[in-house]
């Protein structure tokens, strides 16, 4: 047995034997399950993990092999399902100190079914590198208490470029380890067994974690403003699977779908006149892209959608409903050089703001100083309002609707006023739905002209110091009113 182990690990050193004979010997020894074979990367033929001749064992590693990559670049290509009992990328093990790397391509995977995935176990200065591309998977599925993704206190510097997914039972290092994990794309995520959602865990592990080459810290004496806003990490615990996922603040699940919605997903208090916008997918063929926008109050019935061509924004016609949840998505059609594909987008949601009441501009809400009788009432309105209902009354009397102004007409009204009177007024706003928002009550007092020693002239019903046809009209109106009940309305002149 010692001879076979030595033989298989030193093939590169000069032993000559056909693969057929080696395979026969291995089958004989495996039949009695004596030991697990070591698979050392040679890279004799190419960088392809799946080629037997690239390994010291002369076959692609399987779930019983202890894999070691000490020199050169090894690549697991699309469609390959890599297996190992334990895997180690250890730059320059021994004296060569040359860099070593493993790349898992999109659509490929590697599973270590028993032990760990190690980087830089004995290396010193040369980098030990792991690249997990978008759409690739590394599953460190080792049985407890094993299954660590990386370990602490290794001498060599370890670099993980993570755009795909890594699953592991645990991390075996802390913030003092010489390990750099760079989430190189917004699709990268690290999934651990157990609940590590407390932000403390990110602090413990993330001293040398980067988000798209960006690190937290201080630059020129200033705290990096982008960290925690555009860059940074979140941890989310899923009780159903008992796993915690670490990912970028701007994580993207599907790199081929539209991203970066505005308003942001789950936004609140969004105006009822929004312009929806988004960004192109992270990944595409490079050919022309076209978008179709769906917007609805029902996530199960999104409608037929609106084609907007290559534009990355959409202005819904009309106003949206106030205080209403909306759901929207953007489907992307990639021309793909004559073989078009359509990627269904994520469903995003936002809540529209409360319908806004009118806001006073002029006159000031006060009885003093008094105002002229020829004033114009001014207010501002929520742009979503479809009409404005202007109400007036003499102080504390009955409200009367004096004007209905349909948007987008100016938010002003010029009333007919009497001298020396106290008035109340308000503007009720009407929104789609319809929803009517009653405005606050504002007040003002018109000026009282001083004439005739402070006494009103006989017949000067409106108090303007001038007896004219306006006064006659008021006298006639009062006389007619006195022909009806209540009798107390009479005797005003």
Protein backbone atom coordinates (compact mmCIF):
# COMPACT_ATOMS: atom_id res chain seq x y z
CA UNK A 1 0.00 0.00 0.00
CA UNK A 2 2.85 2.35 0.82
CA UNK A 3 4.34 1.53 -2.57
CA UNK A 4 1.11 2.37 -4.40
CA UNK A 5 0.70 5.69 -2.58
CA UNK A 6 4.31 6.65 -3.32
CA UNK A 7 3.94 5.49 -6.90
CA UNK A 8 0.82 7.51 -7.56
CA UNK A 9 2.13 10.72 -6.02
CA UNK A 10 5.44 10.54 -7.88
CA UNK A 11 4.30 9.80 -11.40
CA UNK A 12 5.50 13.23 -12.44
CA UNK A 13 8.98 12.34 -11.13
CA UNK A 14 9.61 9.62 -13.69
CA UNK A 15 7.55 6.52 -13.07
CA UNK A 16 6.21 5.12 -16.32
CA UNK A 17 3.08 3.02 -16.38
CA UNK A 18 0.01 3.02 -18.53
CA UNK A 19 -3.24 4.46 -17.21
CA UNK A 20 -4.90 1.11 -17.81
CA UNK A 21 -2.51 -0.66 -15.38
CA UNK A 22 -2.85 2.14 -12.81
CA UNK A 23 -6.62 1.96 -13.04
CA UNK A 24 -6.53 -1.80 -12.49
CA UNK A 25 -4.34 -1.49 -9.39
CA UNK A 26 -6.55 1.28 -7.99
CA UNK A 27 -9.69 -0.77 -8.50
CA UNK A 28 -8.12 -3.64 -6.59
CA UNK A 29 -7.15 -1.44 -3.66
CA UNK A 30 -10.42 0.47 -3.58
CA UNK A 31 -12.29 -2.80 -3.37
CA UNK A 32 -10.93 -3.19 0.15
CA UNK A 33 -11.30 0.56 0.94
CA UNK A 34 -7.77 0.83 2.32
CA UNK A 35 -7.30 4.62 2.00
CA UNK A 36 -8.40 7.75 0.12
CA UNK A 37 -6.12 8.75 -2.74
CA UNK A 38 -4.40 12.13 -2.97
CA UNK A 39 -5.04 14.08 -6.17
CA UNK A 40 -2.27 16.59 -6.87
CA UNK A 41 -2.71 19.10 -9.67
CA UNK A 42 -0.06 18.80 -12.37
CA UNK A 43 -1.59 20.81 -15.22
CA UNK A 44 0.41 18.70 -17.65
CA UNK A 45 -2.04 18.97 -20.56
CA UNK A 46 -3.99 22.20 -19.91
CA UNK A 47 -5.81 24.11 -17.16
CA UNK A 48 -8.91 21.88 -17.36
CA UNK A 49 -9.91 20.18 -14.08
CA UNK A 50 -11.83 17.46 -15.94
CA UNK A 51 -8.86 16.04 -17.90
CA UNK A 52 -7.46 12.94 -16.21
CA UNK A 53 -3.90 13.55 -17.34
CA UNK A 54 -3.76 16.84 -15.47
CA UNK A 55 -3.75 14.97 -12.14
CA UNK A 56 -1.17 12.89 -10.34
CA UNK A 57 -3.81 10.22 -9.86
CA UNK A 58 -4.40 10.15 -13.62
CA UNK A 59 -8.13 10.63 -13.19
CA UNK A 60 -10.35 13.56 -12.43
CA UNK A 61 -10.81 13.78 -8.63
CA UNK A 62 -13.88 12.21 -7.05
CA UNK A 63 -15.59 12.42 -3.68
CA UNK A 64 -12.88 10.29 -2.02
CA UNK A 65 -9.88 12.37 -3.14
CA UNK A 66 -7.87 14.87 -1.14
CA UNK A 67 -7.25 17.55 -3.78
CA UNK A 68 -4.19 19.79 -3.71
CA UNK A 69 -3.39 22.60 -6.15
CA UNK A 70 0.09 23.94 -5.41
CA UNK A 71 1.16 25.52 -8.66
CA UNK A 72 -0.46 27.05 -11.76
CA UNK A 73 -4.09 27.65 -12.64
CA UNK A 74 -6.80 25.03 -12.54
CA UNK A 75 -10.21 25.72 -14.12
CA UNK A 76 -13.52 23.92 -13.68
CA UNK A 77 -15.35 24.69 -16.91
CA UNK A 78 -19.04 25.00 -17.78
CA UNK A 79 -20.92 21.73 -17.32
CA UNK A 80 -18.32 20.11 -15.05
CA UNK A 81 -19.41 18.87 -11.63
CA UNK A 82 -16.23 18.80 -9.57
CA UNK A 83 -16.01 16.55 -6.50
CA UNK A 84 -13.48 16.18 -3.69
CA UNK A 85 -13.22 14.91 -0.15
CA UNK A 86 -11.14 17.95 0.78
CA UNK A 87 -9.65 20.67 -1.42
CA UNK A 88 -6.65 22.92 -0.90
CA UNK A 89 -5.19 25.70 -3.04
CA UNK A 90 -1.78 26.34 -1.52
CA UNK A 91 0.55 28.61 -3.45
CA UNK A 92 4.05 27.27 -3.78
CA UNK A 93 3.82 24.46 -1.26
CA UNK A 94 7.41 23.51 -0.75
CA UNK A 95 10.06 25.86 -2.10
CA UNK A 96 8.75 27.19 -5.43
CA UNK A 97 6.49 29.90 -3.96
CA UNK A 98 4.63 30.37 -7.26
CA UNK A 99 1.01 31.47 -7.23
CA UNK A 100 -1.76 28.91 -7.43
CA UNK A 101 -5.41 29.41 -8.35
CA UNK A 102 -8.68 27.59 -8.86
CA UNK A 103 -11.41 29.09 -11.05
CA UNK A 104 -14.97 27.76 -11.10
CA UNK A 105 -16.66 28.96 -14.27
CA UNK A 106 -20.31 29.92 -14.69
CA UNK A 107 -22.41 26.77 -14.94
CA UNK A 108 -19.81 24.65 -13.11
CA UNK A 109 -19.54 23.51 -9.49
CA UNK A 110 -17.24 21.96 -6.91
CA UNK A 111 -18.38 20.04 -3.82
CA UNK A 112 -16.14 18.97 -0.95
CA UNK A 113 -18.24 16.35 0.73
CA UNK A 114 -16.31 15.69 3.95
CA UNK A 115 -13.73 18.26 4.98
CA UNK A 116 -12.78 21.84 4.12
CA UNK A 117 -11.83 24.16 1.33
CA UNK A 118 -8.44 25.65 2.19
CA UNK A 119 -6.39 28.53 0.80
CA UNK A 120 -2.75 29.32 1.56
CA UNK A 121 -2.28 26.52 4.07
CA UNK A 122 1.54 26.60 4.04
CA UNK A 123 2.32 29.36 1.52
CA UNK A 124 4.05 32.54 2.67
CA UNK A 125 4.14 35.37 0.11
CA UNK A 126 2.63 34.05 -3.10
CA UNK A 127 -1.13 34.38 -3.46
CA UNK A 128 -3.47 31.43 -3.22
CA UNK A 129 -6.52 32.43 -5.26
CA UNK A 130 -10.07 31.15 -5.63
CA UNK A 131 -12.31 32.57 -8.39
CA UNK A 132 -16.02 31.73 -8.27
CA UNK A 133 -17.69 33.27 -11.31
CA UNK A 134 -21.29 34.42 -11.55
CA UNK A 135 -23.45 31.32 -11.94
CA UNK A 136 -20.82 29.04 -10.37
CA UNK A 137 -21.12 27.12 -7.08
CA UNK A 138 -18.65 26.00 -4.43
CA UNK A 139 -20.38 23.76 -1.89
CA UNK A 140 -18.23 23.04 1.17
CA UNK A 141 -20.69 20.45 2.37
CA UNK A 142 -18.45 18.57 4.77
CA UNK A 143 -20.09 16.83 7.69
CA UNK A 144 -19.97 18.52 11.11
CA UNK A 145 -17.66 19.54 12.67
CA UNK A 146 -15.87 19.91 9.32
CA UNK A 147 -16.98 21.81 6.25
CA UNK A 148 -15.15 25.06 6.91
CA UNK A 149 -14.68 27.50 4.06
CA UNK A 150 -11.12 28.72 4.62
CA UNK A 151 -9.34 28.63 7.96
CA UNK A 152 -7.54 31.10 10.18
CA UNK A 153 -3.87 31.72 10.91
CA UNK A 154 -2.51 30.52 7.58
CA UNK A 155 0.82 32.02 6.62
CA UNK A 156 0.02 32.84 3.01
CA UNK A 157 -2.24 35.53 1.68
CA UNK A 158 -5.50 34.11 0.38
CA UNK A 159 -7.71 35.87 -2.16
CA UNK A 160 -11.31 34.92 -2.94
CA UNK A 161 -12.97 36.62 -5.93
CA UNK A 162 -16.63 35.85 -5.43
CA UNK A 163 -19.24 36.55 -8.10
CA UNK A 164 -21.10 33.26 -7.73
CA UNK A 165 -22.19 31.29 -4.66
CA UNK A 166 -20.25 29.65 -1.85
CA UNK A 167 -22.04 27.40 0.63
CA UNK A 168 -20.35 26.17 3.80
CA UNK A 169 -21.07 24.91 7.29
CA UNK A 170 -18.89 27.62 8.76
CA UNK A 171 -16.00 30.03 8.30
CA UNK A 172 -12.80 29.01 9.99
CA UNK A 173 -11.16 32.42 10.24
CA UNK A 174 -11.53 35.83 11.85
CA UNK A 175 -10.67 39.41 10.94
CA UNK A 176 -6.99 38.89 11.81
CA UNK A 177 -6.45 36.24 9.14
CA UNK A 178 -4.62 37.11 5.91
CA UNK A 179 -7.71 36.40 3.86
CA UNK A 180 -9.22 38.81 1.33
CA UNK A 181 -12.75 38.10 0.15
CA UNK A 182 -13.86 40.35 -2.70
CA UNK A 183 -17.49 40.21 -3.84
CA UNK A 184 -16.42 41.17 -7.36
CA UNK A 185 -19.97 41.38 -8.69
CA UNK A 186 -23.33 42.07 -7.15
CA UNK A 187 -24.28 38.44 -7.76
CA UNK A 188 -21.80 37.07 -5.21
CA UNK A 189 -23.09 35.51 -1.99
CA UNK A 190 -21.80 33.41 0.86
CA UNK A 191 -24.27 31.05 2.58
CA UNK A 192 -23.43 29.62 6.01
CA UNK A 193 -25.24 27.07 8.14
CA UNK A 194 -26.80 28.66 11.23
CA UNK A 195 -27.88 32.12 12.32
CA UNK A 196 -25.16 34.73 11.80
CA UNK A 197 -27.51 37.61 11.01
CA UNK A 198 -26.22 39.75 13.89
CA UNK A 199 -24.11 42.55 12.34
CA UNK A 200 -21.37 41.63 14.81
CA UNK A 201 -20.46 38.65 12.64
CA UNK A 202 -19.74 40.86 9.64
CA UNK A 203 -17.42 42.97 11.79
CA UNK A 204 -15.71 39.82 13.07
CA UNK A 205 -15.06 38.39 9.63
CA UNK A 206 -15.04 41.38 7.32
CA UNK A 207 -11.80 43.22 8.04
CA UNK A 208 -10.51 42.25 4.62
CA UNK A 209 -13.79 41.90 2.79
CA UNK A 210 -14.35 44.04 -0.30
CA UNK A 211 -17.53 44.87 -2.14
CA UNK A 212 -16.68 45.22 -5.85
CA UNK A 213 -13.08 46.20 -5.00
CA UNK A 214 -14.33 48.77 -2.51
CA UNK A 215 -13.46 48.54 1.18
CA UNK A 216 -14.75 50.25 4.29
CA UNK A 217 -12.44 52.51 6.20
CA UNK A 218 -10.92 55.99 6.06
CA UNK A 219 -9.57 57.75 2.98
CA UNK A 220 -7.57 60.97 3.39
CA UNK A 221 -8.90 61.36 6.91
CA UNK A 222 -12.51 61.04 5.79
CA UNK A 223 -14.79 58.08 6.30
CA UNK A 224 -15.52 56.58 2.90
CA UNK A 225 -19.02 57.94 2.16
CA UNK A 226 -20.00 55.23 -0.31
CA UNK A 227 -19.57 52.48 2.28
CA UNK A 228 -22.89 51.50 3.77
CA UNK A 229 -24.80 53.29 0.99
CA UNK A 230 -23.62 51.95 -2.36
CA UNK A 231 -21.11 49.44 -1.02
CA UNK A 232 -21.19 47.18 2.04
CA UNK A 233 -22.70 43.93 3.23
CA UNK A 234 -25.90 42.59 4.71
CA UNK A 235 -26.60 39.27 6.39
CA UNK A 236 -30.01 37.62 6.19
CA UNK A 237 -31.09 34.56 8.18
CA UNK A 238 -33.58 32.05 6.76
CA UNK A 239 -35.14 30.01 9.57
CA UNK A 240 -36.62 27.53 7.10
CA UNK A 241 -33.21 26.41 5.87
CA UNK A 242 -31.28 27.52 8.99
CA UNK A 243 -28.83 29.43 6.83
CA UNK A 244 -27.41 32.96 6.82
CA UNK A 245 -26.60 34.65 3.52
CA UNK A 246 -23.92 37.34 3.30
CA UNK A 247 -24.19 39.56 0.25
CA UNK A 248 -23.68 43.07 -1.06
CA UNK A 249 -26.03 45.91 -0.18
CA UNK A 250 -26.73 46.03 -3.92
CA UNK A 251 -27.01 42.27 -4.39
CA UNK A 252 -28.51 41.08 -7.68
CA UNK A 253 -30.02 37.61 -7.95
CA UNK A 254 -30.37 37.51 -11.73
CA UNK A 255 -27.52 39.22 -13.58
CA UNK A 256 -29.46 39.17 -16.86
CA UNK A 257 -32.49 41.05 -15.49
CA UNK A 258 -33.03 44.81 -15.23
CA UNK A 259 -31.66 46.25 -11.99
CA UNK A 260 -31.60 49.35 -9.79
CA UNK A 261 -35.30 50.28 -9.76
CA UNK A 262 -36.34 53.87 -9.06
CA UNK A 263 -38.34 54.12 -6.87
CA UNK A 264 -36.39 51.51 -4.90
CA UNK A 265 -38.10 48.25 -4.12
CA UNK A 266 -40.47 48.62 -1.13
CA UNK A 267 -40.19 52.42 -1.20
CA UNK A 268 -42.89 54.38 0.63
CA UNK A 269 -44.35 57.87 0.26
CA UNK A 270 -43.72 57.85 -3.48
CA UNK A 271 -45.34 60.68 -5.40
CA UNK A 272 -48.42 59.80 -7.43
CA UNK A 273 -46.69 61.21 -10.51
CA UNK A 274 -43.50 59.10 -10.51
CA UNK A 275 -41.13 58.46 -13.39
CA UNK A 276 -40.06 54.82 -13.18
CA UNK A 277 -36.48 54.05 -14.14
CA UNK A 278 -33.98 51.20 -14.00
CA UNK A 279 -30.52 50.14 -15.19
CA UNK A 280 -29.48 47.66 -17.84
CA UNK A 281 -28.65 44.10 -16.74
CA UNK A 282 -25.19 43.31 -15.46
CA UNK A 283 -24.88 40.59 -18.10
CA UNK A 284 -26.09 40.56 -21.69
CA UNK A 285 -25.00 39.39 -25.12
CA UNK A 286 -23.80 42.87 -26.04
CA UNK A 287 -26.50 43.18 -28.71
CA UNK A 288 -29.46 45.57 -28.55
CA UNK A 289 -31.73 45.50 -25.48
CA UNK A 290 -35.43 46.42 -25.40
CA UNK A 291 -37.67 46.82 -22.36
CA UNK A 292 -41.32 46.22 -21.51
CA UNK A 293 -42.78 47.77 -18.36
CA UNK A 294 -45.63 46.35 -16.30
CA UNK A 295 -47.40 48.41 -13.60
CA UNK A 296 -50.40 47.36 -11.54
CA UNK A 297 -52.04 47.48 -8.13
CA UNK A 298 -52.40 43.69 -8.35
CA UNK A 299 -49.18 41.62 -8.38
CA UNK A 300 -51.07 38.67 -9.84
CA UNK A 301 -52.50 40.66 -12.75
CA UNK A 302 -49.79 42.89 -14.18
CA UNK A 303 -51.61 43.70 -17.42
CA UNK A 304 -50.24 43.61 -20.96
CA UNK A 305 -47.29 45.91 -20.33
CA UNK A 306 -45.91 48.86 -22.29
CA UNK A 307 -43.01 48.60 -24.73
CA UNK A 308 -40.53 51.45 -24.24
CA UNK A 309 -37.83 50.32 -26.65
CA UNK A 310 -34.28 50.95 -25.49
CA UNK A 311 -35.33 53.62 -22.97
CA UNK A 312 -34.59 52.87 -19.32
CA UNK A 313 -37.43 54.98 -17.92
CA UNK A 314 -41.22 55.13 -18.13
CA UNK A 315 -43.65 57.91 -17.22
CA UNK A 316 -47.10 56.42 -16.47
CA UNK A 317 -49.96 58.33 -18.06
CA UNK A 318 -52.18 60.13 -15.58
CA UNK A 319 -51.82 60.18 -11.82
CA UNK A 320 -51.55 57.10 -9.66
CA UNK A 321 -53.86 56.50 -6.72
CA UNK A 322 -52.82 57.97 -3.39
CA UNK A 323 -51.97 55.72 -0.43
CA UNK A 324 -51.90 52.65 -2.67
CA UNK A 325 -49.36 49.83 -3.10
CA UNK A 326 -48.15 49.42 -6.69
CA UNK A 327 -46.26 46.52 -8.27
CA UNK A 328 -44.05 46.77 -11.34
CA UNK A 329 -41.44 44.89 -13.29
CA UNK A 330 -39.31 45.35 -16.38
CA UNK A 331 -38.81 42.51 -18.85
CA UNK A 332 -35.65 42.63 -20.97
CA UNK A 333 -35.47 41.33 -24.52
CA UNK A 334 -31.89 40.72 -25.65
CA UNK A 335 -31.61 40.66 -29.46
CA UNK A 336 -28.75 38.17 -28.99
CA UNK A 337 -27.54 38.45 -32.60
CA UNK A 338 -30.69 37.10 -34.20
CA UNK A 339 -31.66 34.66 -31.44
CA UNK A 340 -33.67 36.93 -29.12
CA UNK A 341 -34.28 35.92 -25.53
CA UNK A 342 -36.59 37.59 -23.01
CA UNK A 343 -35.71 37.73 -19.33
CA UNK A 344 -38.64 38.25 -16.97
CA UNK A 345 -37.80 40.88 -14.40
CA UNK A 346 -38.22 40.86 -10.65
CA UNK A 347 -41.48 42.27 -9.29
CA UNK A 348 -40.77 45.49 -7.39
CA UNK A 349 -43.22 47.39 -5.21
CA UNK A 350 -43.76 50.87 -3.78
CA UNK A 351 -46.48 52.69 -1.84
CA UNK A 352 -47.74 56.06 -2.98
CA UNK A 353 -47.89 58.98 -0.59
CA UNK A 354 -50.93 60.29 1.20
CA UNK A 355 -52.99 62.77 -0.79
CA UNK A 356 -51.72 66.22 0.13
CA UNK A 357 -53.85 69.06 1.44
CA UNK A 358 -53.64 72.55 -0.04
CA UNK A 359 -50.93 74.83 1.40
CA UNK A 360 -51.62 78.54 2.01
CA UNK A 361 -49.62 81.17 0.10
CA UNK A 362 -51.64 84.38 0.63
CA UNK A 363 -53.25 86.25 2.26
CA UNK A 364 -51.72 85.52 5.67
CA UNK A 365 -53.93 83.47 7.99
CA UNK A 366 -54.76 86.34 10.35
CA UNK A 367 -57.30 89.10 10.90
CA UNK A 368 -54.65 91.74 11.40
CA UNK A 369 -53.49 93.52 9.42
CA UNK A 370 -56.68 93.80 7.41
CA UNK A 371 -56.62 93.22 3.66
CA UNK A 372 -58.13 95.02 0.69
CA UNK A 373 -61.33 93.77 -0.84
CA UNK A 374 -59.71 93.14 -4.22
CA UNK A 375 -57.27 90.48 -3.01
CA UNK A 376 -56.60 87.22 -4.85
CA UNK A 377 -56.47 84.02 -2.80
CA UNK A 378 -53.39 81.86 -3.46
CA UNK A 379 -52.39 78.34 -2.43
CA UNK A 380 -50.19 75.49 -3.62
CA UNK A 381 -51.45 72.03 -4.39
CA UNK A 382 -50.22 68.47 -4.64
CA UNK A 383 -49.50 68.01 -8.38
CA UNK A 384 -51.63 64.88 -8.38
CA UNK A 385 -54.81 66.81 -7.55
CA UNK A 386 -57.32 66.84 -10.40
CA UNK A 387 -59.40 69.75 -9.12
CA UNK A 388 -59.63 72.32 -6.32
CA UNK A 389 -62.88 73.15 -4.52
CA UNK A 390 -62.85 76.65 -3.03
CA UNK A 391 -65.16 77.24 -0.07
CA UNK A 392 -65.87 80.58 1.68
CA UNK A 393 -68.05 81.93 4.46
CA UNK A 394 -68.43 84.97 6.65
CA UNK A 395 -66.84 84.13 9.97
CA UNK A 396 -68.33 80.90 11.35
CA UNK A 397 -71.29 81.00 8.97
CA UNK A 398 -72.30 78.26 6.56
CA UNK A 399 -69.73 77.13 4.01
CA UNK A 400 -70.51 77.88 0.37
CA UNK A 401 -68.71 76.35 -2.63
CA UNK A 402 -67.69 79.44 -4.58
CA UNK A 403 -65.46 77.90 -7.26
CA UNK A 404 -64.42 74.57 -8.78
CA UNK A 405 -61.04 74.83 -10.50
CA UNK A 406 -59.91 71.90 -12.62
CA UNK A 407 -56.20 71.14 -12.86
CA UNK A 408 -53.88 72.22 -14.32
CA UNK A 409 -55.40 75.71 -13.98
CA UNK A 410 -53.68 78.16 -11.62
CA UNK A 411 -54.26 77.66 -7.90
CA UNK A 412 -55.77 81.13 -7.39
CA UNK A 413 -59.23 82.62 -6.90
CA UNK A 414 -60.42 86.26 -6.85
CA UNK A 415 -63.55 86.50 -4.63
CA UNK A 416 -66.12 89.29 -4.33
CA UNK A 417 -65.65 90.74 -0.84
CA UNK A 418 -67.29 93.36 1.36
CA UNK A 419 -65.49 95.94 3.45
CA UNK A 420 -65.10 95.42 7.14
CA UNK A 421 -65.98 91.73 7.15
CA UNK A 422 -64.31 88.65 8.69
CA UNK A 423 -64.00 85.73 6.26
CA UNK A 424 -63.05 82.07 6.46
CA UNK A 425 -61.92 80.05 3.45
CA UNK A 426 -60.46 76.67 2.53
CA UNK A 427 -59.53 74.61 -0.51
CA UNK A 428 -60.50 70.93 -0.74
CA UNK A 429 -58.29 68.89 -3.09
CA UNK A 430 -59.74 66.15 -5.27
CA UNK A 431 -57.46 63.23 -6.27
CA UNK A 432 -57.95 60.17 -8.50
CA UNK A 433 -60.03 57.50 -6.87
CA UNK A 434 -61.75 59.83 -6.25
CA UNK A 435 -60.31 61.00 -2.94
CA UNK A 436 -61.16 64.42 -1.50
CA UNK A 437 -58.84 65.93 1.09
CA UNK A 438 -60.46 68.68 3.12
CA UNK A 439 -58.15 71.62 3.51
CA UNK A 440 -57.45 73.60 6.69
CA UNK A 441 -59.53 76.67 7.49
CA UNK A 442 -57.79 80.02 6.92
CA UNK A 443 -59.07 83.47 7.91
CA UNK A 444 -58.68 87.14 7.02
CA UNK A 445 -60.50 90.46 7.66
CA UNK A 446 -61.15 93.12 5.03
CA UNK A 447 -60.35 96.76 5.67
CA UNK A 448 -62.92 99.12 7.16
CA UNK A 449 -62.72 102.55 5.49
CA UNK A 450 -62.81 105.54 7.91
CA UNK A 451 -65.25 108.27 6.81
CA UNK A 452 -68.04 110.44 8.17
CA UNK A 453 -66.39 110.57 11.57
CA UNK A 454 -66.27 106.82 11.82
CA UNK A 455 -70.00 106.44 11.19
CA UNK A 456 -71.33 104.66 8.15
CA UNK A 457 -73.21 106.78 5.65
CA UNK A 458 -76.89 106.02 5.32
CA UNK A 459 -77.24 103.52 2.53
CA UNK A 460 -73.52 102.61 2.55
CA UNK A 461 -74.26 98.92 2.94
CA UNK A 462 -70.81 97.65 1.90
CA UNK A 463 -68.93 100.17 4.07
CA UNK A 464 -66.78 101.60 1.31
CA UNK A 465 -67.71 105.21 2.12
CA UNK A 466 -69.53 105.42 -1.19
CA UNK A 467 -73.29 104.99 -1.69
CA UNK A 468 -73.62 103.46 -5.12
CA UNK A 469 -75.34 100.76 -7.14
CA UNK A 470 -73.52 98.04 -5.16
CA UNK A 471 -75.24 99.33 -2.03
CA UNK A 472 -78.59 99.49 -3.84
CA UNK A 473 -78.17 95.85 -4.83
CA UNK A 474 -77.51 94.88 -1.22
CA UNK A 475 -80.55 96.90 -0.08
CA UNK A 476 -82.72 95.17 -2.68
CA UNK A 477 -81.37 91.75 -1.67
CA UNK A 478 -82.02 92.52 1.99
CA UNK A 479 -85.52 93.75 1.22
CA UNK A 480 -86.32 90.59 -0.68
CA UNK A 481 -84.88 88.51 2.11
CA UNK A 482 -87.20 90.24 4.55
CA UNK A 483 -90.16 88.86 2.63
CA UNK A 484 -89.19 85.45 3.90
CA UNK A 485 -88.34 83.78 7.15
CA UNK A 486 -86.63 84.34 9.46
CA UNK A 487 -87.94 87.74 10.35
CA UNK A 488 -84.69 88.50 12.18
CA UNK A 489 -83.07 89.04 8.82
CA UNK A 490 -84.96 92.29 8.45
CA UNK A 491 -84.13 95.71 9.87
CA UNK A 492 -80.53 95.84 8.71
CA UNK A 493 -80.95 99.36 7.24
